[in-house]
Amino acid sequence: MTDLSDLPYAKHLQPFAGPLGRDEDYTEVHLDGGELEDPVASGARFGESAITGTTFTGGDFGQARLSDVWISRTRWIGTSWAEAELMDVTVLDGVLAGVQAYGGSWRRVVVQGCKVDSLNLRGARLQDVVFRDCDLTEVDFGGATLVGVTFPGSALRRARFSRVVARKPIDLRGARELDVAEGWESLRGAIIDRDQLAEAAPALAQALGIVVRDR
């Protein structure tokens, strides 16, 4: 689905102007436009809802639960999603910069066409998560559990994979750029293509302690 009107619950959405609150229940709401500074929605529940064209600066969505939520053209700057649960969530054409999403649970999440900078996913659990056609810079997966996480068409720059747990091999072949700053040793069994191998060879050699010398 690429348009809000394609959502099965689109006709039920009701305009919502805020403010957001802690531990509140938001079902079939549409938050559209505006700039929210330091919103507090920790522990809130969002179901069959949409967020479009909105900028969040700071704020706390820690331990929030998002299920069947459509997020489009939205900017998240320095926002906390710590220990939040996302299930069947789509994030399109947005910005996530300095977002703290450590310890969270993401299941069946699609992040597409987004600029993602310094996203902290340390210790998170990601299952069937797709980063498609994104620019990912300094994303930290340290200690995260990754199951069925893919990166088709995305650029990974200075990504951190230290101590990741992968219950099945991570398939990185779709990534258009693969720059791993930390954690090659934790990607044992990962699948890459020949071009990626050539690009990553110096970093792999360094991670494995291999010394390359000319004759």
N, C-alpha and C. Protein backbone atom coordinates (compact mmCIF):
# COMPACT_ATOMS: atom_id res chain seq x y z
N MET A 1 0.84 -1.20 0.00
CA MET A 1 0.00 0.00 0.00
C MET A 1 0.87 1.25 0.00
N THR A 2 0.54 2.19 -0.86
CA THR A 2 1.33 3.41 -0.95
C THR A 2 0.52 4.67 -0.69
N ASP A 3 -0.73 4.53 -0.32
CA ASP A 3 -1.57 5.69 -0.11
C ASP A 3 -2.48 5.46 1.08
N LEU A 4 -2.78 6.54 1.80
CA LEU A 4 -3.62 6.45 2.98
C LEU A 4 -4.97 5.83 2.67
N SER A 5 -5.51 6.16 1.50
CA SER A 5 -6.84 5.68 1.15
C SER A 5 -6.88 4.17 0.94
N ASP A 6 -5.70 3.55 0.77
CA ASP A 6 -5.64 2.10 0.58
C ASP A 6 -5.80 1.32 1.88
N LEU A 7 -5.72 2.01 3.00
CA LEU A 7 -5.80 1.32 4.28
C LEU A 7 -7.20 0.74 4.49
N PRO A 8 -7.30 -0.47 5.01
CA PRO A 8 -8.62 -1.08 5.21
C PRO A 8 -9.48 -0.32 6.22
N TYR A 9 -8.84 0.46 7.07
CA TYR A 9 -9.59 1.22 8.08
C TYR A 9 -9.67 2.71 7.75
N ALA A 10 -9.32 3.10 6.51
CA ALA A 10 -9.24 4.52 6.15
C ALA A 10 -10.57 5.25 6.40
N LYS A 11 -11.68 4.64 6.06
CA LYS A 11 -12.97 5.34 6.19
C LYS A 11 -13.39 5.54 7.64
N HIS A 12 -12.71 4.85 8.55
CA HIS A 12 -13.06 4.98 9.96
C HIS A 12 -12.20 6.01 10.70
N LEU A 13 -11.18 6.55 10.02
CA LEU A 13 -10.26 7.46 10.69
C LEU A 13 -10.94 8.78 11.04
N GLN A 14 -10.67 9.26 12.23
CA GLN A 14 -11.20 10.53 12.70
C GLN A 14 -10.06 11.51 12.92
N PRO A 15 -10.21 12.76 12.47
CA PRO A 15 -9.14 13.75 12.68
C PRO A 15 -8.83 13.92 14.16
N PHE A 16 -7.54 14.00 14.46
CA PHE A 16 -7.11 14.17 15.84
C PHE A 16 -6.10 15.31 15.90
N ALA A 17 -6.38 16.29 16.74
CA ALA A 17 -5.51 17.46 16.82
C ALA A 17 -4.66 17.48 18.09
N GLY A 18 -4.82 16.49 18.94
CA GLY A 18 -4.02 16.44 20.16
C GLY A 18 -4.71 17.18 21.29
N PRO A 19 -4.01 17.37 22.40
CA PRO A 19 -2.65 16.90 22.64
C PRO A 19 -2.60 15.41 22.95
N LEU A 20 -1.40 14.85 22.81
CA LEU A 20 -1.19 13.47 23.18
C LEU A 20 -0.99 13.36 24.68
N GLY A 21 -1.31 12.19 25.22
CA GLY A 21 -1.17 12.01 26.66
C GLY A 21 -0.60 10.66 27.02
N ARG A 22 -0.11 10.56 28.21
CA ARG A 22 0.48 9.33 28.72
C ARG A 22 -0.61 8.27 28.96
N ASP A 23 -0.31 7.03 28.54
CA ASP A 23 -1.18 5.88 28.80
C ASP A 23 -2.58 6.02 28.19
N GLU A 24 -2.72 6.86 27.17
CA GLU A 24 -4.02 7.03 26.53
C GLU A 24 -4.21 5.99 25.43
N ASP A 25 -5.46 5.83 24.98
CA ASP A 25 -5.81 4.87 23.94
C ASP A 25 -6.26 5.64 22.70
N TYR A 26 -5.52 5.45 21.59
CA TYR A 26 -5.84 6.14 20.35
C TYR A 26 -6.16 5.09 19.28
N THR A 27 -7.42 4.97 18.93
CA THR A 27 -7.86 4.00 17.94
C THR A 27 -8.58 4.73 16.82
N GLU A 28 -8.22 4.39 15.57
CA GLU A 28 -8.83 4.98 14.38
C GLU A 28 -8.76 6.49 14.39
N VAL A 29 -7.57 7.02 14.72
CA VAL A 29 -7.36 8.47 14.69
C VAL A 29 -6.37 8.80 13.58
N HIS A 30 -6.47 10.05 13.08
CA HIS A 30 -5.57 10.54 12.04
C HIS A 30 -4.97 11.85 12.52
N LEU A 31 -3.69 11.80 12.85
CA LEU A 31 -2.94 12.99 13.25
C LEU A 31 -2.22 13.49 12.01
N ASP A 32 -2.60 14.69 11.54
CA ASP A 32 -2.10 15.18 10.27
C ASP A 32 -1.56 16.60 10.41
N GLY A 33 -0.28 16.76 10.10
CA GLY A 33 0.32 18.08 10.07
C GLY A 33 0.68 18.63 11.44
N GLY A 34 1.40 19.72 11.41
CA GLY A 34 1.78 20.39 12.65
C GLY A 34 3.14 19.98 13.16
N GLU A 35 3.59 20.72 14.16
CA GLU A 35 4.86 20.45 14.81
C GLU A 35 4.62 20.29 16.30
N LEU A 36 5.04 19.17 16.83
CA LEU A 36 4.84 18.88 18.24
C LEU A 36 6.20 18.85 18.93
N GLU A 37 6.37 19.67 19.94
CA GLU A 37 7.62 19.70 20.70
C GLU A 37 7.42 19.01 22.03
N ASP A 38 8.30 18.06 22.30
CA ASP A 38 8.31 17.31 23.57
C ASP A 38 6.95 16.71 23.92
N PRO A 39 6.27 16.04 22.96
CA PRO A 39 5.01 15.38 23.32
C PRO A 39 5.28 14.20 24.24
N VAL A 40 4.38 13.93 25.14
CA VAL A 40 4.52 12.80 26.06
C VAL A 40 3.37 11.83 25.80
N ALA A 41 3.71 10.67 25.22
CA ALA A 41 2.72 9.64 24.94
C ALA A 41 3.24 8.29 25.40
N SER A 42 4.05 8.30 26.44
CA SER A 42 4.60 7.04 26.95
C SER A 42 3.47 6.14 27.42
N GLY A 43 3.57 4.87 27.06
CA GLY A 43 2.56 3.90 27.45
C GLY A 43 1.27 4.00 26.68
N ALA A 44 1.18 4.91 25.71
CA ALA A 44 -0.04 5.06 24.93
C ALA A 44 -0.21 3.91 23.95
N ARG A 45 -1.45 3.69 23.52
CA ARG A 45 -1.77 2.62 22.58
C ARG A 45 -2.39 3.23 21.32
N PHE A 46 -1.78 2.93 20.16
CA PHE A 46 -2.26 3.41 18.88
C PHE A 46 -2.67 2.21 18.05
N GLY A 47 -3.92 2.17 17.61
CA GLY A 47 -4.39 1.06 16.80
C GLY A 47 -5.18 1.54 15.59
N GLU A 48 -4.90 0.93 14.42
CA GLU A 48 -5.58 1.28 13.18
C GLU A 48 -5.65 2.80 13.02
N SER A 49 -4.50 3.42 13.06
CA SER A 49 -4.40 4.88 13.04
C SER A 49 -3.38 5.32 12.00
N ALA A 50 -3.34 6.64 11.74
CA ALA A 50 -2.41 7.20 10.76
C ALA A 50 -1.81 8.48 11.31
N ILE A 51 -0.52 8.67 11.01
CA ILE A 51 0.20 9.90 11.36
C ILE A 51 0.86 10.38 10.09
N THR A 52 0.50 11.58 9.61
CA THR A 52 1.03 12.07 8.34
C THR A 52 1.48 13.53 8.48
N GLY A 53 2.56 13.86 7.77
CA GLY A 53 3.00 15.23 7.64
C GLY A 53 3.26 15.96 8.94
N THR A 54 3.72 15.24 9.95
CA THR A 54 3.91 15.82 11.28
C THR A 54 5.39 15.79 11.66
N THR A 55 5.81 16.78 12.43
CA THR A 55 7.17 16.81 12.96
C THR A 55 7.13 16.69 14.48
N PHE A 56 7.85 15.70 14.98
CA PHE A 56 7.99 15.50 16.43
C PHE A 56 9.42 15.86 16.80
N THR A 57 9.56 16.81 17.71
CA THR A 57 10.88 17.18 18.19
C THR A 57 10.96 16.82 19.67
N GLY A 58 11.91 15.92 20.00
CA GLY A 58 11.96 15.44 21.37
C GLY A 58 10.74 14.59 21.66
N GLY A 59 10.39 14.53 22.93
CA GLY A 59 9.18 13.78 23.32
C GLY A 59 9.46 12.36 23.72
N ASP A 60 8.44 11.74 24.30
CA ASP A 60 8.58 10.41 24.89
C ASP A 60 7.42 9.53 24.47
N PHE A 61 7.72 8.51 23.65
CA PHE A 61 6.78 7.46 23.28
C PHE A 61 7.24 6.12 23.88
N GLY A 62 8.01 6.19 24.95
CA GLY A 62 8.52 4.98 25.57
C GLY A 62 7.40 4.05 26.02
N GLN A 63 7.58 2.76 25.73
CA GLN A 63 6.63 1.71 26.09
C GLN A 63 5.27 1.90 25.44
N ALA A 64 5.19 2.74 24.41
CA ALA A 64 3.95 2.85 23.65
C ALA A 64 3.76 1.58 22.82
N ARG A 65 2.52 1.34 22.40
CA ARG A 65 2.21 0.19 21.56
C ARG A 65 1.51 0.66 20.30
N LEU A 66 2.10 0.36 19.15
CA LEU A 66 1.54 0.74 17.86
C LEU A 66 1.20 -0.51 17.09
N SER A 67 -0.06 -0.64 16.69
CA SER A 67 -0.50 -1.81 15.94
C SER A 67 -1.36 -1.34 14.76
N ASP A 68 -0.99 -1.78 13.55
CA ASP A 68 -1.69 -1.33 12.34
C ASP A 68 -1.69 0.19 12.26
N VAL A 69 -0.51 0.76 12.22
CA VAL A 69 -0.36 2.22 12.15
C VAL A 69 0.40 2.59 10.88
N TRP A 70 -0.10 3.59 10.19
CA TRP A 70 0.49 4.11 8.95
C TRP A 70 1.13 5.46 9.27
N ILE A 71 2.44 5.59 9.02
CA ILE A 71 3.17 6.83 9.31
C ILE A 71 3.83 7.29 8.02
N SER A 72 3.47 8.48 7.55
CA SER A 72 3.98 8.95 6.27
C SER A 72 4.40 10.42 6.36
N ARG A 73 5.55 10.74 5.69
CA ARG A 73 6.04 12.12 5.60
C ARG A 73 6.16 12.77 6.98
N THR A 74 6.64 12.01 7.93
CA THR A 74 6.73 12.47 9.31
C THR A 74 8.18 12.47 9.78
N ARG A 75 8.54 13.50 10.52
CA ARG A 75 9.90 13.65 11.03
C ARG A 75 9.91 13.41 12.54
N TRP A 76 10.83 12.55 12.96
CA TRP A 76 11.03 12.26 14.38
C TRP A 76 12.45 12.68 14.73
N ILE A 77 12.60 13.71 15.53
CA ILE A 77 13.91 14.26 15.84
C ILE A 77 14.17 14.14 17.34
N GLY A 78 15.11 13.28 17.72
CA GLY A 78 15.47 13.13 19.12
C GLY A 78 14.35 12.61 20.00
N THR A 79 13.45 11.83 19.41
CA THR A 79 12.30 11.29 20.14
C THR A 79 12.66 9.95 20.77
N SER A 80 12.10 9.65 21.92
CA SER A 80 12.31 8.35 22.57
C SER A 80 11.19 7.39 22.21
N TRP A 81 11.58 6.25 21.64
CA TRP A 81 10.68 5.12 21.44
C TRP A 81 11.17 3.94 22.29
N ALA A 82 11.84 4.21 23.37
CA ALA A 82 12.45 3.15 24.18
C ALA A 82 11.39 2.14 24.63
N GLU A 83 11.69 0.87 24.40
CA GLU A 83 10.85 -0.24 24.83
C GLU A 83 9.45 -0.17 24.23
N ALA A 84 9.30 0.53 23.12
CA ALA A 84 8.00 0.57 22.45
C ALA A 84 7.78 -0.70 21.64
N GLU A 85 6.51 -1.05 21.43
CA GLU A 85 6.14 -2.22 20.64
C GLU A 85 5.47 -1.75 19.35
N LEU A 86 6.05 -2.14 18.21
CA LEU A 86 5.49 -1.82 16.91
C LEU A 86 5.15 -3.11 16.19
N MET A 87 3.90 -3.24 15.76
CA MET A 87 3.48 -4.43 15.03
C MET A 87 2.60 -4.01 13.86
N ASP A 88 2.95 -4.50 12.67
CA ASP A 88 2.22 -4.14 11.45
C ASP A 88 2.20 -2.62 11.28
N VAL A 89 3.38 -2.03 11.33
CA VAL A 89 3.55 -0.58 11.20
C VAL A 89 4.31 -0.29 9.91
N THR A 90 3.87 0.74 9.19
CA THR A 90 4.54 1.20 7.98
C THR A 90 5.00 2.63 8.18
N VAL A 91 6.29 2.89 7.89
CA VAL A 91 6.86 4.24 8.01
C VAL A 91 7.39 4.62 6.63
N LEU A 92 6.81 5.64 6.01
CA LEU A 92 7.14 6.00 4.64
C LEU A 92 7.67 7.42 4.54
N ASP A 93 8.72 7.59 3.73
CA ASP A 93 9.18 8.92 3.28
C ASP A 93 9.35 9.90 4.43
N GLY A 94 9.98 9.45 5.50
CA GLY A 94 10.16 10.30 6.67
C GLY A 94 11.59 10.41 7.10
N VAL A 95 11.77 10.98 8.28
CA VAL A 95 13.09 11.16 8.88
C VAL A 95 13.05 10.65 10.31
N LEU A 96 14.03 9.84 10.66
CA LEU A 96 14.24 9.42 12.04
C LEU A 96 15.67 9.80 12.39
N ALA A 97 15.82 10.80 13.23
CA ALA A 97 17.16 11.30 13.57
C ALA A 97 17.32 11.32 15.09
N GLY A 98 18.32 10.59 15.56
CA GLY A 98 18.57 10.56 17.00
C GLY A 98 17.45 9.91 17.80
N VAL A 99 16.71 9.01 17.16
CA VAL A 99 15.60 8.33 17.85
C VAL A 99 16.15 7.22 18.73
N GLN A 100 15.68 7.17 19.97
CA GLN A 100 16.10 6.16 20.94
C GLN A 100 15.03 5.06 21.00
N ALA A 101 15.32 3.94 20.31
CA ALA A 101 14.34 2.85 20.24
C ALA A 101 14.90 1.58 20.87
N TYR A 102 15.81 1.74 21.82
CA TYR A 102 16.45 0.57 22.43
C TYR A 102 15.43 -0.24 23.24
N GLY A 103 15.67 -1.55 23.27
CA GLY A 103 14.84 -2.44 24.08
C GLY A 103 13.43 -2.64 23.57
N GLY A 104 13.15 -2.17 22.37
CA GLY A 104 11.80 -2.28 21.83
C GLY A 104 11.54 -3.60 21.14
N SER A 105 10.32 -3.75 20.65
CA SER A 105 9.93 -4.94 19.90
C SER A 105 9.26 -4.48 18.61
N TRP A 106 9.88 -4.81 17.48
CA TRP A 106 9.33 -4.46 16.17
C TRP A 106 9.00 -5.75 15.43
N ARG A 107 7.76 -5.87 15.02
CA ARG A 107 7.34 -7.07 14.30
C ARG A 107 6.51 -6.68 13.08
N ARG A 108 6.89 -7.18 11.95
CA ARG A 108 6.23 -6.87 10.67
C ARG A 108 6.16 -5.34 10.50
N VAL A 109 7.35 -4.75 10.48
CA VAL A 109 7.47 -3.30 10.30
C VAL A 109 8.18 -3.03 8.97
N VAL A 110 7.67 -2.07 8.21
CA VAL A 110 8.30 -1.64 6.97
C VAL A 110 8.70 -0.18 7.11
N VAL A 111 10.00 0.09 6.91
CA VAL A 111 10.52 1.46 6.88
C VAL A 111 10.99 1.70 5.46
N GLN A 112 10.35 2.62 4.75
CA GLN A 112 10.61 2.75 3.32
C GLN A 112 10.84 4.21 2.93
N GLY A 113 11.90 4.42 2.13
CA GLY A 113 12.18 5.74 1.61
C GLY A 113 12.50 6.77 2.68
N CYS A 114 13.10 6.33 3.77
CA CYS A 114 13.36 7.21 4.90
C CYS A 114 14.84 7.53 5.05
N LYS A 115 15.10 8.69 5.64
CA LYS A 115 16.46 9.04 6.06
C LYS A 115 16.55 8.73 7.54
N VAL A 116 17.44 7.81 7.90
CA VAL A 116 17.55 7.33 9.27
C VAL A 116 18.96 7.60 9.76
N ASP A 117 19.08 8.40 10.80
CA ASP A 117 20.39 8.83 11.27
C ASP A 117 20.47 8.62 12.78
N SER A 118 21.48 7.86 13.22
CA SER A 118 21.73 7.64 14.66
C SER A 118 20.50 7.06 15.36
N LEU A 119 19.90 6.05 14.74
CA LEU A 119 18.79 5.31 15.37
C LEU A 119 19.38 4.29 16.32
N ASN A 120 18.96 4.33 17.58
CA ASN A 120 19.47 3.42 18.61
C ASN A 120 18.50 2.26 18.80
N LEU A 121 18.87 1.09 18.28
CA LEU A 121 18.06 -0.12 18.42
C LEU A 121 18.76 -1.15 19.31
N ARG A 122 19.61 -0.70 20.19
CA ARG A 122 20.36 -1.62 21.04
C ARG A 122 19.40 -2.47 21.90
N GLY A 123 19.64 -3.77 21.87
CA GLY A 123 18.84 -4.67 22.70
C GLY A 123 17.41 -4.85 22.24
N ALA A 124 17.07 -4.33 21.07
CA ALA A 124 15.71 -4.47 20.56
C ALA A 124 15.50 -5.86 19.94
N ARG A 125 14.25 -6.20 19.71
CA ARG A 125 13.89 -7.46 19.06
C ARG A 125 13.16 -7.11 17.75
N LEU A 126 13.78 -7.46 16.63
CA LEU A 126 13.22 -7.13 15.33
C LEU A 126 12.91 -8.43 14.58
N GLN A 127 11.66 -8.58 14.19
CA GLN A 127 11.25 -9.77 13.45
C GLN A 127 10.47 -9.35 12.21
N ASP A 128 10.91 -9.84 11.05
CA ASP A 128 10.26 -9.51 9.78
C ASP A 128 10.17 -8.00 9.60
N VAL A 129 11.31 -7.36 9.72
CA VAL A 129 11.41 -5.90 9.55
C VAL A 129 12.16 -5.62 8.25
N VAL A 130 11.62 -4.72 7.45
CA VAL A 130 12.21 -4.37 6.16
C VAL A 130 12.58 -2.89 6.15
N PHE A 131 13.86 -2.61 5.88
CA PHE A 131 14.31 -1.25 5.60
C PHE A 131 14.50 -1.16 4.10
N ARG A 132 13.56 -0.54 3.40
CA ARG A 132 13.59 -0.54 1.94
C ARG A 132 13.89 0.86 1.40
N ASP A 133 14.91 0.95 0.55
CA ASP A 133 15.26 2.21 -0.12
C ASP A 133 15.48 3.35 0.88
N CYS A 134 16.20 3.03 1.95
CA CYS A 134 16.48 4.02 2.99
C CYS A 134 17.96 4.38 3.00
N ASP A 135 18.27 5.55 3.54
CA ASP A 135 19.65 5.93 3.86
C ASP A 135 19.81 5.76 5.36
N LEU A 136 20.58 4.76 5.76
CA LEU A 136 20.77 4.42 7.17
C LEU A 136 22.18 4.79 7.59
N THR A 137 22.30 5.77 8.45
CA THR A 137 23.61 6.24 8.89
C THR A 137 23.76 6.06 10.39
N GLU A 138 24.81 5.35 10.79
CA GLU A 138 25.13 5.12 12.20
C GLU A 138 23.94 4.56 12.99
N VAL A 139 23.28 3.57 12.38
CA VAL A 139 22.23 2.84 13.10
C VAL A 139 22.90 1.80 13.98
N ASP A 140 22.48 1.73 15.25
CA ASP A 140 23.12 0.85 16.23
C ASP A 140 22.20 -0.32 16.55
N PHE A 141 22.57 -1.52 16.06
CA PHE A 141 21.83 -2.75 16.35
C PHE A 141 22.49 -3.54 17.49
N GLY A 142 23.37 -2.94 18.23
CA GLY A 142 24.14 -3.65 19.24
C GLY A 142 23.28 -4.46 20.20
N GLY A 143 23.56 -5.75 20.29
CA GLY A 143 22.84 -6.61 21.22
C GLY A 143 21.41 -6.90 20.83
N ALA A 144 21.00 -6.48 19.64
CA ALA A 144 19.62 -6.72 19.21
C ALA A 144 19.44 -8.15 18.70
N THR A 145 18.21 -8.62 18.72
CA THR A 145 17.86 -9.90 18.13
C THR A 145 17.19 -9.63 16.80
N LEU A 146 17.78 -10.16 15.72
CA LEU A 146 17.31 -9.89 14.37
C LEU A 146 16.83 -11.19 13.72
N VAL A 147 15.57 -11.21 13.33
CA VAL A 147 14.98 -12.37 12.66
C VAL A 147 14.26 -11.88 11.42
N GLY A 148 14.75 -12.28 10.26
CA GLY A 148 14.09 -11.87 9.02
C GLY A 148 14.17 -10.38 8.76
N VAL A 149 15.29 -9.76 9.12
CA VAL A 149 15.49 -8.33 8.88
C VAL A 149 16.25 -8.17 7.55
N THR A 150 15.72 -7.34 6.65
CA THR A 150 16.33 -7.17 5.33
C THR A 150 16.47 -5.68 5.01
N PHE A 151 17.34 -5.39 4.01
CA PHE A 151 17.69 -4.00 3.68
C PHE A 151 17.64 -3.76 2.17
N PRO A 152 16.60 -4.16 1.45
CA PRO A 152 16.61 -4.03 -0.01
C PRO A 152 16.70 -2.57 -0.45
N GLY A 153 17.69 -2.28 -1.29
CA GLY A 153 17.85 -0.95 -1.84
C GLY A 153 18.35 0.09 -0.87
N SER A 154 18.72 -0.30 0.32
CA SER A 154 19.14 0.67 1.34
C SER A 154 20.66 0.78 1.41
N ALA A 155 21.11 1.94 1.86
CA ALA A 155 22.53 2.18 2.12
C ALA A 155 22.76 2.14 3.62
N LEU A 156 23.66 1.26 4.06
CA LEU A 156 24.06 1.20 5.46
C LEU A 156 25.43 1.83 5.59
N ARG A 157 25.52 2.87 6.37
CA ARG A 157 26.78 3.58 6.55
C ARG A 157 27.13 3.59 8.03
N ARG A 158 28.32 3.08 8.35
CA ARG A 158 28.82 3.03 9.72
C ARG A 158 27.81 2.34 10.66
N ALA A 159 27.22 1.25 10.17
CA ALA A 159 26.27 0.48 10.98
C ALA A 159 27.00 -0.30 12.06
N ARG A 160 26.34 -0.49 13.19
CA ARG A 160 26.92 -1.22 14.32
C ARG A 160 26.08 -2.47 14.60
N PHE A 161 26.75 -3.62 14.54
CA PHE A 161 26.09 -4.90 14.75
C PHE A 161 26.72 -5.68 15.91
N SER A 162 27.41 -5.02 16.81
CA SER A 162 28.09 -5.73 17.89
C SER A 162 27.11 -6.55 18.72
N ARG A 163 27.47 -7.82 18.94
CA ARG A 163 26.73 -8.73 19.82
C ARG A 163 25.28 -8.95 19.38
N VAL A 164 25.01 -8.82 18.08
CA VAL A 164 23.66 -9.12 17.63
C VAL A 164 23.40 -10.62 17.73
N VAL A 165 22.14 -10.97 17.90
CA VAL A 165 21.71 -12.37 17.93
C VAL A 165 20.85 -12.59 16.69
N ALA A 166 21.27 -13.47 15.81
CA ALA A 166 20.53 -13.77 14.59
C ALA A 166 20.10 -15.22 14.62
N ARG A 167 18.81 -15.47 14.71
CA ARG A 167 18.32 -16.84 14.79
C ARG A 167 18.37 -17.55 13.45
N LYS A 168 18.50 -16.77 12.39
CA LYS A 168 18.78 -17.35 11.08
C LYS A 168 19.65 -16.33 10.35
N PRO A 169 20.38 -16.77 9.31
CA PRO A 169 21.32 -15.87 8.66
C PRO A 169 20.67 -14.56 8.21
N ILE A 170 21.39 -13.44 8.42
CA ILE A 170 20.92 -12.15 7.98
C ILE A 170 21.29 -11.99 6.51
N ASP A 171 20.30 -11.70 5.69
CA ASP A 171 20.52 -11.56 4.25
C ASP A 171 20.73 -10.08 3.93
N LEU A 172 21.97 -9.73 3.64
CA LEU A 172 22.34 -8.34 3.35
C LEU A 172 22.48 -8.07 1.86
N ARG A 173 22.16 -9.04 1.02
CA ARG A 173 22.46 -8.92 -0.40
C ARG A 173 21.74 -7.75 -1.08
N GLY A 174 20.60 -7.35 -0.57
CA GLY A 174 19.85 -6.29 -1.23
C GLY A 174 20.36 -4.89 -0.94
N ALA A 175 21.25 -4.74 0.03
CA ALA A 175 21.73 -3.41 0.39
C ALA A 175 22.60 -2.84 -0.73
N ARG A 176 22.34 -1.58 -1.12
CA ARG A 176 23.13 -0.97 -2.19
C ARG A 176 24.46 -0.44 -1.69
N GLU A 177 24.58 -0.28 -0.37
CA GLU A 177 25.85 0.13 0.23
C GLU A 177 25.95 -0.57 1.58
N LEU A 178 27.12 -1.13 1.86
CA LEU A 178 27.29 -1.90 3.10
C LEU A 178 28.58 -1.48 3.79
N ASP A 179 28.43 -0.65 4.80
CA ASP A 179 29.56 -0.15 5.57
C ASP A 179 29.29 -0.46 7.04
N VAL A 180 30.00 -1.46 7.56
CA VAL A 180 29.81 -1.90 8.94
C VAL A 180 30.95 -1.36 9.78
N ALA A 181 30.63 -0.49 10.75
CA ALA A 181 31.65 0.11 11.60
C ALA A 181 32.07 -0.83 12.71
N GLU A 182 31.12 -1.61 13.22
CA GLU A 182 31.40 -2.53 14.32
C GLU A 182 30.54 -3.78 14.17
N GLY A 183 31.13 -4.93 14.52
CA GLY A 183 30.32 -6.13 14.67
C GLY A 183 30.35 -7.11 13.53
N TRP A 184 31.35 -7.02 12.64
CA TRP A 184 31.44 -8.05 11.60
C TRP A 184 31.49 -9.44 12.22
N GLU A 185 32.18 -9.57 13.36
CA GLU A 185 32.32 -10.88 13.99
C GLU A 185 30.97 -11.43 14.47
N SER A 186 29.99 -10.54 14.68
CA SER A 186 28.66 -10.97 15.13
C SER A 186 27.75 -11.34 13.97
N LEU A 187 28.22 -11.11 12.73
CA LEU A 187 27.41 -11.41 11.55
C LEU A 187 27.77 -12.76 10.94
N ARG A 188 28.27 -13.64 11.76
CA ARG A 188 28.64 -14.98 11.28
C ARG A 188 27.43 -15.63 10.61
N GLY A 189 27.59 -16.11 9.39
CA GLY A 189 26.51 -16.75 8.66
C GLY A 189 25.71 -15.79 7.80
N ALA A 190 25.98 -14.48 7.92
CA ALA A 190 25.25 -13.51 7.09
C ALA A 190 25.53 -13.77 5.61
N ILE A 191 24.58 -13.40 4.76
CA ILE A 191 24.68 -13.63 3.34
C ILE A 191 24.93 -12.30 2.64
N ILE A 192 26.03 -12.22 1.86
CA ILE A 192 26.33 -11.04 1.07
C ILE A 192 26.66 -11.48 -0.35
N ASP A 193 26.64 -10.52 -1.28
CA ASP A 193 26.98 -10.89 -2.66
C ASP A 193 28.47 -10.61 -2.92
N ARG A 194 28.92 -10.94 -4.11
CA ARG A 194 30.35 -10.82 -4.43
C ARG A 194 30.81 -9.36 -4.40
N ASP A 195 30.00 -8.46 -4.92
CA ASP A 195 30.38 -7.05 -4.92
C ASP A 195 30.50 -6.52 -3.49
N GLN A 196 29.58 -6.92 -2.64
CA GLN A 196 29.64 -6.50 -1.23
C GLN A 196 30.88 -7.08 -0.55
N LEU A 197 31.24 -8.30 -0.91
CA LEU A 197 32.44 -8.91 -0.33
C LEU A 197 33.68 -8.11 -0.70
N ALA A 198 33.77 -7.71 -1.96
CA ALA A 198 34.92 -6.92 -2.39
C ALA A 198 34.97 -5.58 -1.65
N GLU A 199 33.81 -4.97 -1.48
CA GLU A 199 33.74 -3.68 -0.79
C GLU A 199 34.10 -3.82 0.69
N ALA A 200 33.67 -4.92 1.29
CA ALA A 200 33.84 -5.10 2.73
C ALA A 200 35.16 -5.76 3.11
N ALA A 201 35.91 -6.22 2.13
CA ALA A 201 37.12 -7.01 2.42
C ALA A 201 38.07 -6.32 3.40
N PRO A 202 38.41 -5.03 3.25
CA PRO A 202 39.33 -4.42 4.21
C PRO A 202 38.80 -4.45 5.65
N ALA A 203 37.51 -4.15 5.82
CA ALA A 203 36.94 -4.15 7.17
C ALA A 203 36.88 -5.56 7.74
N LEU A 204 36.58 -6.54 6.89
CA LEU A 204 36.56 -7.93 7.34
C LEU A 204 37.94 -8.38 7.77
N ALA A 205 38.94 -8.03 6.99
CA ALA A 205 40.32 -8.41 7.33
C ALA A 205 40.71 -7.81 8.67
N GLN A 206 40.36 -6.56 8.89
CA GLN A 206 40.69 -5.92 10.15
C GLN A 206 39.96 -6.59 11.31
N ALA A 207 38.66 -6.92 11.11
CA ALA A 207 37.90 -7.55 12.18
C ALA A 207 38.46 -8.91 12.55
N LEU A 208 39.00 -9.63 11.55
CA LEU A 208 39.53 -10.97 11.77
C LEU A 208 41.01 -10.96 12.13
N GLY A 209 41.61 -9.77 12.17
CA GLY A 209 43.03 -9.69 12.52
C GLY A 209 43.95 -10.15 11.41
N ILE A 210 43.47 -10.10 10.16
CA ILE A 210 44.28 -10.52 9.03
C ILE A 210 45.14 -9.34 8.58
N VAL A 211 46.44 -9.58 8.42
CA VAL A 211 47.36 -8.57 7.95
C VAL A 211 47.62 -8.77 6.46
N VAL A 212 47.37 -7.72 5.68
CA VAL A 212 47.57 -7.81 4.23
C VAL A 212 48.84 -7.02 3.89
N ARG A 213 49.81 -7.70 3.26
CA ARG A 213 51.07 -7.04 2.88
C ARG A 213 51.40 -7.36 1.44
N ASP A 214 51.95 -6.37 0.77
CA ASP A 214 52.42 -6.62 -0.59
C ASP A 214 53.69 -7.48 -0.51
N ARG A 215 53.96 -8.21 -1.55
CA ARG A 215 55.14 -9.05 -1.59
C ARG A 215 56.39 -8.19 -1.54
